[in-house]
Amino acid sequence: MLCMSKISISWDQFTIPTAASWVVKFVCKVKNYFSDQIGYQWLQSAKYSIKGTYTQLRCLGTKVPWQKYVWNRLTIPKHRFIMWLAMLDRLKTKDRLFKVGISTGDSCPICGAQVEKVEHLFFECELSRQCKLLVFSWLGVQLNRVTVFSLLMGVQKYSRSKYRRFIIITAVASLVYNIWRARNAAIWSLHIPIVQSIVKTIQAEVKGRVMNLLNSKTSSRDLDWFHSL
């Protein structure tokens, strides 16, 4: 039996045989990519780790100030995704669709009074504004902010408890998601849900999600606040 620890292969000089299987060719292709990006030192490292190699390979972009709010672990994943698109201004609002000739108009499908942009939908539109007021009244929070980002920043300053802050951010994500869902219903089903119905859905989603992820380290004071909702 060969002792693999004593075998030394010069991977940087290795030529892939033409008859090699697709698996071998793919492995060598990945090796070549790694070596081109970070050099051959990773092949000789005695403490190789996947995490370390990934850190070297990935592009280090500038961190955005809202990342910790969007990627809150309590938030329902599909809610995170829609809020992420809203923060990037990448939702397919009618103003964007109209500019590329996909939509015949750019007015808000809910109120019809203004051009539908992310800024209008969250929270200048009367329906979204009313939903926001009722949701924050339910949470016992008073914040007069008119954009998603300013609302999240207000939550950060308002709540001293990390647990409560995460729950409020979870509610904001649900609020954004359900307003976007109501907007889609107005377009595709020609039906606009009433404010009370949207708020009830948000309350049920937030309480159901948090109940499933309750932490045993949560203080009794925070638990009492949550159960009182």
C-alpha atoms as a PDB file:
ATOM      1  CA  MET A   1       0.000   0.000   0.000  1.00  0.00           C
ATOM      2  CA  LEU A   2       1.283   3.443  -0.942  1.00  0.00           C
ATOM      3  CA  CYS A   3       1.780   6.003   1.788  1.00  0.00           C
ATOM      4  CA  MET A   4      -0.052   9.025   0.383  1.00  0.00           C
ATOM      5  CA  SER A   5       1.649  11.414   2.810  1.00  0.00           C
ATOM      6  CA  LYS A   6       5.011  10.696   1.117  1.00  0.00           C
ATOM      7  CA  ILE A   7       3.748  11.286  -2.415  1.00  0.00           C
ATOM      8  CA  SER A   8       4.472  14.732  -3.801  1.00  0.00           C
ATOM      9  CA  ILE A   9       2.635  15.802  -6.963  1.00  0.00           C
ATOM     10  CA  SER A  10       3.498  19.020  -8.747  1.00  0.00           C
ATOM     11  CA  TRP A  11      -0.059  20.079  -9.586  1.00  0.00           C
ATOM     12  CA  ASP A  12       1.068  23.302 -11.243  1.00  0.00           C
ATOM     13  CA  GLN A  13       2.974  21.246 -13.859  1.00  0.00           C
ATOM     14  CA  PHE A  14       0.422  18.457 -14.222  1.00  0.00           C
ATOM     15  CA  THR A  15      -1.062  17.987 -17.695  1.00  0.00           C
ATOM     16  CA  ILE A  16      -4.581  16.599 -17.830  1.00  0.00           C
ATOM     17  CA  PRO A  17      -4.701  13.448 -19.966  1.00  0.00           C
ATOM     18  CA  THR A  18      -7.075  13.722 -22.896  1.00  0.00           C
ATOM     19  CA  ALA A  19      -8.709  10.440 -21.909  1.00  0.00           C
ATOM     20  CA  ALA A  20      -9.370  11.591 -18.338  1.00  0.00           C
ATOM     21  CA  SER A  21     -12.949  11.421 -17.073  1.00  0.00           C
ATOM     22  CA  TRP A  22     -15.073  14.544 -16.831  1.00  0.00           C
ATOM     23  CA  VAL A  23     -14.718  14.402 -13.033  1.00  0.00           C
ATOM     24  CA  VAL A  24     -10.906  14.580 -13.202  1.00  0.00           C
ATOM     25  CA  LYS A  25     -11.079  17.355 -15.802  1.00  0.00           C
ATOM     26  CA  PHE A  26     -13.486  19.351 -13.643  1.00  0.00           C
ATOM     27  CA  VAL A  27     -11.312  18.959 -10.524  1.00  0.00           C
ATOM     28  CA  CYS A  28      -8.277  20.130 -12.476  1.00  0.00           C
ATOM     29  CA  LYS A  29     -10.244  23.041 -13.907  1.00  0.00           C
ATOM     30  CA  VAL A  30     -11.180  24.160 -10.376  1.00  0.00           C
ATOM     31  CA  LYS A  31      -7.561  23.743  -9.262  1.00  0.00           C
ATOM     32  CA  ASN A  32      -6.357  25.913 -12.121  1.00  0.00           C
ATOM     33  CA  TYR A  33      -8.921  28.583 -11.301  1.00  0.00           C
ATOM     34  CA  PHE A  34      -7.847  28.664  -7.648  1.00  0.00           C
ATOM     35  CA  SER A  35      -4.186  28.839  -8.615  1.00  0.00           C
ATOM     36  CA  ASP A  36      -4.781  31.661 -11.114  1.00  0.00           C
ATOM     37  CA  GLN A  37      -6.674  33.680  -8.508  1.00  0.00           C
ATOM     38  CA  ILE A  38      -4.595  33.190  -5.360  1.00  0.00           C
ATOM     39  CA  GLY A  39      -1.368  31.531  -6.526  1.00  0.00           C
ATOM     40  CA  TYR A  40      -0.056  28.028  -5.869  1.00  0.00           C
ATOM     41  CA  GLN A  41       0.672  28.491  -2.163  1.00  0.00           C
ATOM     42  CA  TRP A  42      -2.738  27.066  -1.242  1.00  0.00           C
ATOM     43  CA  LEU A  43      -1.567  23.658  -2.549  1.00  0.00           C
ATOM     44  CA  GLN A  44       1.366  23.550  -0.115  1.00  0.00           C
ATOM     45  CA  SER A  45      -0.510  24.878   2.918  1.00  0.00           C
ATOM     46  CA  ALA A  46      -0.394  22.508   5.877  1.00  0.00           C
ATOM     47  CA  LYS A  47      -3.536  24.103   7.327  1.00  0.00           C
ATOM     48  CA  TYR A  48      -5.780  24.320   4.298  1.00  0.00           C
ATOM     49  CA  SER A  49      -9.388  25.244   4.982  1.00  0.00           C
ATOM     50  CA  ILE A  50     -12.356  25.753   2.691  1.00  0.00           C
ATOM     51  CA  LYS A  51     -13.337  28.887   4.614  1.00  0.00           C
ATOM     52  CA  GLY A  52      -9.897  30.414   4.212  1.00  0.00           C
ATOM     53  CA  THR A  53      -9.808  29.731   0.482  1.00  0.00           C
ATOM     54  CA  TYR A  54     -13.313  31.137   0.043  1.00  0.00           C
ATOM     55  CA  THR A  55     -12.326  34.291   1.918  1.00  0.00           C
ATOM     56  CA  GLN A  56      -9.375  34.764  -0.437  1.00  0.00           C
ATOM     57  CA  LEU A  57     -11.470  34.160  -3.543  1.00  0.00           C
ATOM     58  CA  ARG A  58     -14.533  36.203  -2.827  1.00  0.00           C
ATOM     59  CA  CYS A  59     -14.744  39.817  -3.834  1.00  0.00           C
ATOM     60  CA  LEU A  60     -14.684  42.099  -0.811  1.00  0.00           C
ATOM     61  CA  GLY A  61     -17.362  44.693  -1.473  1.00  0.00           C
ATOM     62  CA  THR A  62     -18.305  47.689   0.602  1.00  0.00           C
ATOM     63  CA  LYS A  63     -20.679  46.818   3.423  1.00  0.00           C
ATOM     64  CA  VAL A  64     -24.001  48.591   3.250  1.00  0.00           C
ATOM     65  CA  PRO A  65     -25.377  50.141   6.459  1.00  0.00           C
ATOM     66  CA  TRP A  66     -28.638  48.148   6.271  1.00  0.00           C
ATOM     67  CA  GLN A  67     -27.267  44.623   5.878  1.00  0.00           C
ATOM     68  CA  LYS A  68     -27.772  43.605   9.523  1.00  0.00           C
ATOM     69  CA  TYR A  69     -31.411  44.681   9.336  1.00  0.00           C
ATOM     70  CA  VAL A  70     -32.225  42.816   6.138  1.00  0.00           C
ATOM     71  CA  TRP A  71     -30.449  39.583   7.119  1.00  0.00           C
ATOM     72  CA  ASN A  72     -32.048  39.361  10.546  1.00  0.00           C
ATOM     73  CA  ARG A  73     -32.299  35.650  11.469  1.00  0.00           C
ATOM     74  CA  LEU A  74     -35.861  35.999  12.794  1.00  0.00           C
ATOM     75  CA  THR A  75     -37.146  37.327   9.478  1.00  0.00           C
ATOM     76  CA  ILE A  76     -38.955  34.912   7.167  1.00  0.00           C
ATOM     77  CA  PRO A  77     -36.587  34.200   4.216  1.00  0.00           C
ATOM     78  CA  LYS A  78     -38.980  35.333   1.461  1.00  0.00           C
ATOM     79  CA  HIS A  79     -39.568  38.557   3.397  1.00  0.00           C
ATOM     80  CA  ARG A  80     -35.812  39.150   3.583  1.00  0.00           C
ATOM     81  CA  PHE A  81     -35.527  38.729  -0.162  1.00  0.00           C
ATOM     82  CA  ILE A  82     -38.223  41.291  -1.013  1.00  0.00           C
ATOM     83  CA  MET A  83     -36.864  43.783   1.528  1.00  0.00           C
ATOM     84  CA  TRP A  84     -33.366  43.275   0.091  1.00  0.00           C
ATOM     85  CA  LEU A  85     -34.664  44.112  -3.400  1.00  0.00           C
ATOM     86  CA  ALA A  86     -36.502  47.131  -2.001  1.00  0.00           C
ATOM     87  CA  MET A  87     -33.324  48.413  -0.335  1.00  0.00           C
ATOM     88  CA  LEU A  88     -31.436  48.001  -3.618  1.00  0.00           C
ATOM     89  CA  ASP A  89     -34.313  49.621  -5.565  1.00  0.00           C
ATOM     90  CA  ARG A  90     -34.534  46.494  -7.725  1.00  0.00           C
ATOM     91  CA  LEU A  91     -38.232  45.707  -7.367  1.00  0.00           C
ATOM     92  CA  LYS A  92     -40.023  45.705 -10.712  1.00  0.00           C
ATOM     93  CA  THR A  93     -42.120  48.771  -9.978  1.00  0.00           C
ATOM     94  CA  LYS A  94     -44.159  50.311 -12.782  1.00  0.00           C
ATOM     95  CA  ASP A  95     -41.827  53.258 -13.265  1.00  0.00           C
ATOM     96  CA  ARG A  96     -39.008  50.821 -14.123  1.00  0.00           C
ATOM     97  CA  LEU A  97     -41.217  48.684 -16.356  1.00  0.00           C
ATOM     98  CA  PHE A  98     -42.605  51.744 -18.145  1.00  0.00           C
ATOM     99  CA  LYS A  99     -39.120  53.009 -18.998  1.00  0.00           C
ATOM    100  CA  VAL A 100     -38.264  49.763 -20.818  1.00  0.00           C
ATOM    101  CA  GLY A 101     -41.630  49.561 -22.582  1.00  0.00           C
ATOM    102  CA  ILE A 102     -43.083  46.624 -20.640  1.00  0.00           C
ATOM    103  CA  SER A 103     -45.854  48.575 -18.878  1.00  0.00           C
ATOM    104  CA  THR A 104     -48.367  50.886 -20.553  1.00  0.00           C
ATOM    105  CA  GLY A 105     -48.367  53.241 -17.569  1.00  0.00           C
ATOM    106  CA  ASP A 106     -46.351  54.112 -14.487  1.00  0.00           C
ATOM    107  CA  SER A 107     -49.038  55.082 -11.967  1.00  0.00           C
ATOM    108  CA  CYS A 108     -49.368  53.255  -8.659  1.00  0.00           C
ATOM    109  CA  PRO A 109     -51.782  50.308  -9.093  1.00  0.00           C
ATOM    110  CA  ILE A 110     -53.042  50.789  -5.535  1.00  0.00           C
ATOM    111  CA  CYS A 111     -53.826  54.505  -5.319  1.00  0.00           C
ATOM    112  CA  GLY A 112     -53.358  55.613  -8.927  1.00  0.00           C
ATOM    113  CA  ALA A 113     -52.358  59.059  -7.675  1.00  0.00           C
ATOM    114  CA  GLN A 114     -48.568  58.977  -8.079  1.00  0.00           C
ATOM    115  CA  VAL A 115     -45.846  57.303 -10.110  1.00  0.00           C
ATOM    116  CA  GLU A 116     -45.113  53.912  -8.616  1.00  0.00           C
ATOM    117  CA  LYS A 117     -41.568  53.989  -7.286  1.00  0.00           C
ATOM    118  CA  VAL A 118     -40.084  52.212  -4.295  1.00  0.00           C
ATOM    119  CA  GLU A 119     -40.180  55.509  -2.394  1.00  0.00           C
ATOM    120  CA  HIS A 120     -43.884  55.904  -3.118  1.00  0.00           C
ATOM    121  CA  LEU A 121     -44.821  52.314  -2.369  1.00  0.00           C
ATOM    122  CA  PHE A 122     -42.946  52.399   0.972  1.00  0.00           C
ATOM    123  CA  PHE A 123     -44.561  54.450   2.576  1.00  0.00           C
ATOM    124  CA  GLU A 124     -46.036  57.406   0.726  1.00  0.00           C
ATOM    125  CA  CYS A 125     -48.980  55.449  -0.718  1.00  0.00           C
ATOM    126  CA  GLU A 126     -51.984  55.799   1.570  1.00  0.00           C
ATOM    127  CA  LEU A 127     -52.541  52.050   1.939  1.00  0.00           C
ATOM    128  CA  SER A 128     -48.943  51.359   2.927  1.00  0.00           C
ATOM    129  CA  ARG A 129     -48.910  54.362   5.237  1.00  0.00           C
ATOM    130  CA  GLN A 130     -52.019  53.134   7.055  1.00  0.00           C
ATOM    131  CA  CYS A 131     -50.562  49.616   7.326  1.00  0.00           C
ATOM    132  CA  LYS A 132     -47.341  51.009   8.777  1.00  0.00           C
ATOM    133  CA  LEU A 133     -49.213  53.083  11.380  1.00  0.00           C
ATOM    134  CA  LEU A 134     -51.321  50.127  12.524  1.00  0.00           C
ATOM    135  CA  VAL A 135     -48.391  47.703  12.682  1.00  0.00           C
ATOM    136  CA  PHE A 136     -46.280  50.078  14.758  1.00  0.00           C
ATOM    137  CA  SER A 137     -49.239  50.887  16.961  1.00  0.00           C
ATOM    138  CA  TRP A 138     -49.601  47.131  17.568  1.00  0.00           C
ATOM    139  CA  LEU A 139     -45.907  46.964  18.514  1.00  0.00           C
ATOM    140  CA  GLY A 140     -46.238  49.995  20.766  1.00  0.00           C
ATOM    141  CA  VAL A 141     -43.659  51.945  18.774  1.00  0.00           C
ATOM    142  CA  GLN A 142     -43.929  55.554  17.604  1.00  0.00           C
ATOM    143  CA  LEU A 143     -41.786  56.276  14.549  1.00  0.00           C
ATOM    144  CA  ASN A 144     -42.636  58.858  11.923  1.00  0.00           C
ATOM    145  CA  ARG A 145     -40.359  57.674   9.099  1.00  0.00           C
ATOM    146  CA  VAL A 146     -41.288  57.538   5.406  1.00  0.00           C
ATOM    147  CA  THR A 147     -38.729  55.165   3.850  1.00  0.00           C
ATOM    148  CA  VAL A 148     -37.749  51.583   4.621  1.00  0.00           C
ATOM    149  CA  PHE A 149     -34.161  52.520   5.473  1.00  0.00           C
ATOM    150  CA  SER A 150     -35.080  55.442   7.739  1.00  0.00           C
ATOM    151  CA  LEU A 151     -37.647  53.208   9.438  1.00  0.00           C
ATOM    152  CA  LEU A 152     -35.023  50.540  10.139  1.00  0.00           C
ATOM    153  CA  MET A 153     -32.587  53.154  11.424  1.00  0.00           C
ATOM    154  CA  GLY A 154     -35.316  54.490  13.686  1.00  0.00           C
ATOM    155  CA  VAL A 155     -35.926  50.993  15.074  1.00  0.00           C
ATOM    156  CA  GLN A 156     -32.205  50.690  15.819  1.00  0.00           C
ATOM    157  CA  LYS A 157     -32.248  53.903  17.857  1.00  0.00           C
ATOM    158  CA  TYR A 158     -35.648  53.343  19.444  1.00  0.00           C
ATOM    159  CA  SER A 159     -35.228  49.852  20.890  1.00  0.00           C
ATOM    160  CA  ARG A 160     -32.595  49.192  23.527  1.00  0.00           C
ATOM    161  CA  SER A 161     -33.454  45.503  23.737  1.00  0.00           C
ATOM    162  CA  LYS A 162     -31.807  43.407  21.024  1.00  0.00           C
ATOM    163  CA  TYR A 163     -34.655  40.888  21.193  1.00  0.00           C
ATOM    164  CA  ARG A 164     -37.358  43.520  20.688  1.00  0.00           C
ATOM    165  CA  ARG A 165     -35.357  45.176  17.938  1.00  0.00           C
ATOM    166  CA  PHE A 166     -35.149  41.903  16.007  1.00  0.00           C
ATOM    167  CA  ILE A 167     -38.904  41.355  16.358  1.00  0.00           C
ATOM    168  CA  ILE A 168     -39.708  44.884  15.164  1.00  0.00           C
ATOM    169  CA  ILE A 169     -37.375  44.430  12.181  1.00  0.00           C
ATOM    170  CA  THR A 170     -39.132  41.120  11.468  1.00  0.00           C
ATOM    171  CA  ALA A 171     -42.408  43.042  11.421  1.00  0.00           C
ATOM    172  CA  VAL A 172     -40.958  45.665   9.052  1.00  0.00           C
ATOM    173  CA  ALA A 173     -39.863  42.917   6.645  1.00  0.00           C
ATOM    174  CA  SER A 174     -43.333  41.359   6.777  1.00  0.00           C
ATOM    175  CA  LEU A 175     -44.858  44.801   6.219  1.00  0.00           C
ATOM    176  CA  VAL A 176     -42.733  45.397   3.104  1.00  0.00           C
ATOM    177  CA  TYR A 177     -43.468  41.908   1.764  1.00  0.00           C
ATOM    178  CA  ASN A 178     -47.222  42.145   2.262  1.00  0.00           C
ATOM    179  CA  ILE A 179     -47.454  45.615   0.727  1.00  0.00           C
ATOM    180  CA  TRP A 180     -45.617  44.277  -2.317  1.00  0.00           C
ATOM    181  CA  ARG A 181     -48.004  41.329  -2.344  1.00  0.00           C
ATOM    182  CA  ALA A 182     -51.010  43.689  -2.171  1.00  0.00           C
ATOM    183  CA  ARG A 183     -49.553  45.677  -5.047  1.00  0.00           C
ATOM    184  CA  ASN A 184     -49.251  42.497  -7.133  1.00  0.00           C
ATOM    185  CA  ALA A 185     -52.842  41.553  -6.276  1.00  0.00           C
ATOM    186  CA  ALA A 186     -53.975  44.973  -7.511  1.00  0.00           C
ATOM    187  CA  ILE A 187     -52.269  44.321 -10.856  1.00  0.00           C
ATOM    188  CA  TRP A 188     -52.931  40.646 -11.494  1.00  0.00           C
ATOM    189  CA  SER A 189     -56.216  40.059  -9.656  1.00  0.00           C
ATOM    190  CA  LEU A 190     -57.637  43.606  -9.843  1.00  0.00           C
ATOM    191  CA  HIS A 191     -58.208  43.314  -6.105  1.00  0.00           C
ATOM    192  CA  ILE A 192     -56.720  45.493  -3.376  1.00  0.00           C
ATOM    193  CA  PRO A 193     -56.727  43.874   0.100  1.00  0.00           C
ATOM    194  CA  ILE A 194     -58.088  46.047   2.878  1.00  0.00           C
ATOM    195  CA  VAL A 195     -55.664  47.497   5.409  1.00  0.00           C
ATOM    196  CA  GLN A 196     -57.023  45.493   8.338  1.00  0.00           C
ATOM    197  CA  SER A 197     -56.603  42.227   6.444  1.00  0.00           C
ATOM    198  CA  ILE A 198     -52.981  43.030   5.582  1.00  0.00           C
ATOM    199  CA  VAL A 199     -52.179  43.960   9.174  1.00  0.00           C
ATOM    200  CA  LYS A 200     -53.740  40.750  10.534  1.00  0.00           C
ATOM    201  CA  THR A 201     -51.597  38.733   8.143  1.00  0.00           C
ATOM    202  CA  ILE A 202     -48.471  40.573   9.304  1.00  0.00           C
ATOM    203  CA  GLN A 203     -49.314  39.976  12.955  1.00  0.00           C
ATOM    204  CA  ALA A 204     -49.896  36.265  12.375  1.00  0.00           C
ATOM    205  CA  GLU A 205     -46.662  35.878  10.394  1.00  0.00           C
ATOM    206  CA  VAL A 206     -44.541  37.686  12.964  1.00  0.00           C
ATOM    207  CA  LYS A 207     -45.962  35.864  15.981  1.00  0.00           C
ATOM    208  CA  GLY A 208     -45.792  32.475  14.258  1.00  0.00           C
ATOM    209  CA  ARG A 209     -42.209  32.988  13.147  1.00  0.00           C
ATOM    210  CA  VAL A 210     -40.941  34.275  16.495  1.00  0.00           C
ATOM    211  CA  MET A 211     -42.727  31.547  18.467  1.00  0.00           C
ATOM    212  CA  ASN A 212     -40.833  28.922  16.476  1.00  0.00           C
ATOM    213  CA  LEU A 213     -37.470  30.592  17.155  1.00  0.00           C
ATOM    214  CA  LEU A 214     -37.829  31.662  20.767  1.00  0.00           C
ATOM    215  CA  ASN A 215     -34.533  31.567  22.639  1.00  0.00           C
ATOM    216  CA  SER A 216     -34.314  30.206  26.171  1.00  0.00           C
ATOM    217  CA  LYS A 217     -31.996  33.115  27.030  1.00  0.00           C
ATOM    218  CA  THR A 218     -34.696  35.690  26.315  1.00  0.00           C
ATOM    219  CA  SER A 219     -35.488  37.790  29.379  1.00  0.00           C
ATOM    220  CA  SER A 220     -38.854  37.407  31.075  1.00  0.00           C
ATOM    221  CA  ARG A 221     -39.539  41.096  30.453  1.00  0.00           C
ATOM    222  CA  ASP A 222     -39.094  40.704  26.706  1.00  0.00           C
ATOM    223  CA  LEU A 223     -41.158  37.519  26.707  1.00  0.00           C
ATOM    224  CA  ASP A 224     -43.989  39.273  28.534  1.00  0.00           C
ATOM    225  CA  TRP A 225     -43.872  42.065  25.940  1.00  0.00           C
ATOM    226  CA  PHE A 226     -44.009  39.607  23.075  1.00  0.00           C
ATOM    227  CA  HIS A 227     -46.863  37.545  24.534  1.00  0.00           C
ATOM    228  CA  SER A 228     -48.842  40.748  25.123  1.00  0.00           C
ATOM    229  CA  LEU A 229     -48.878  41.508  21.401  1.00  0.00           C
END
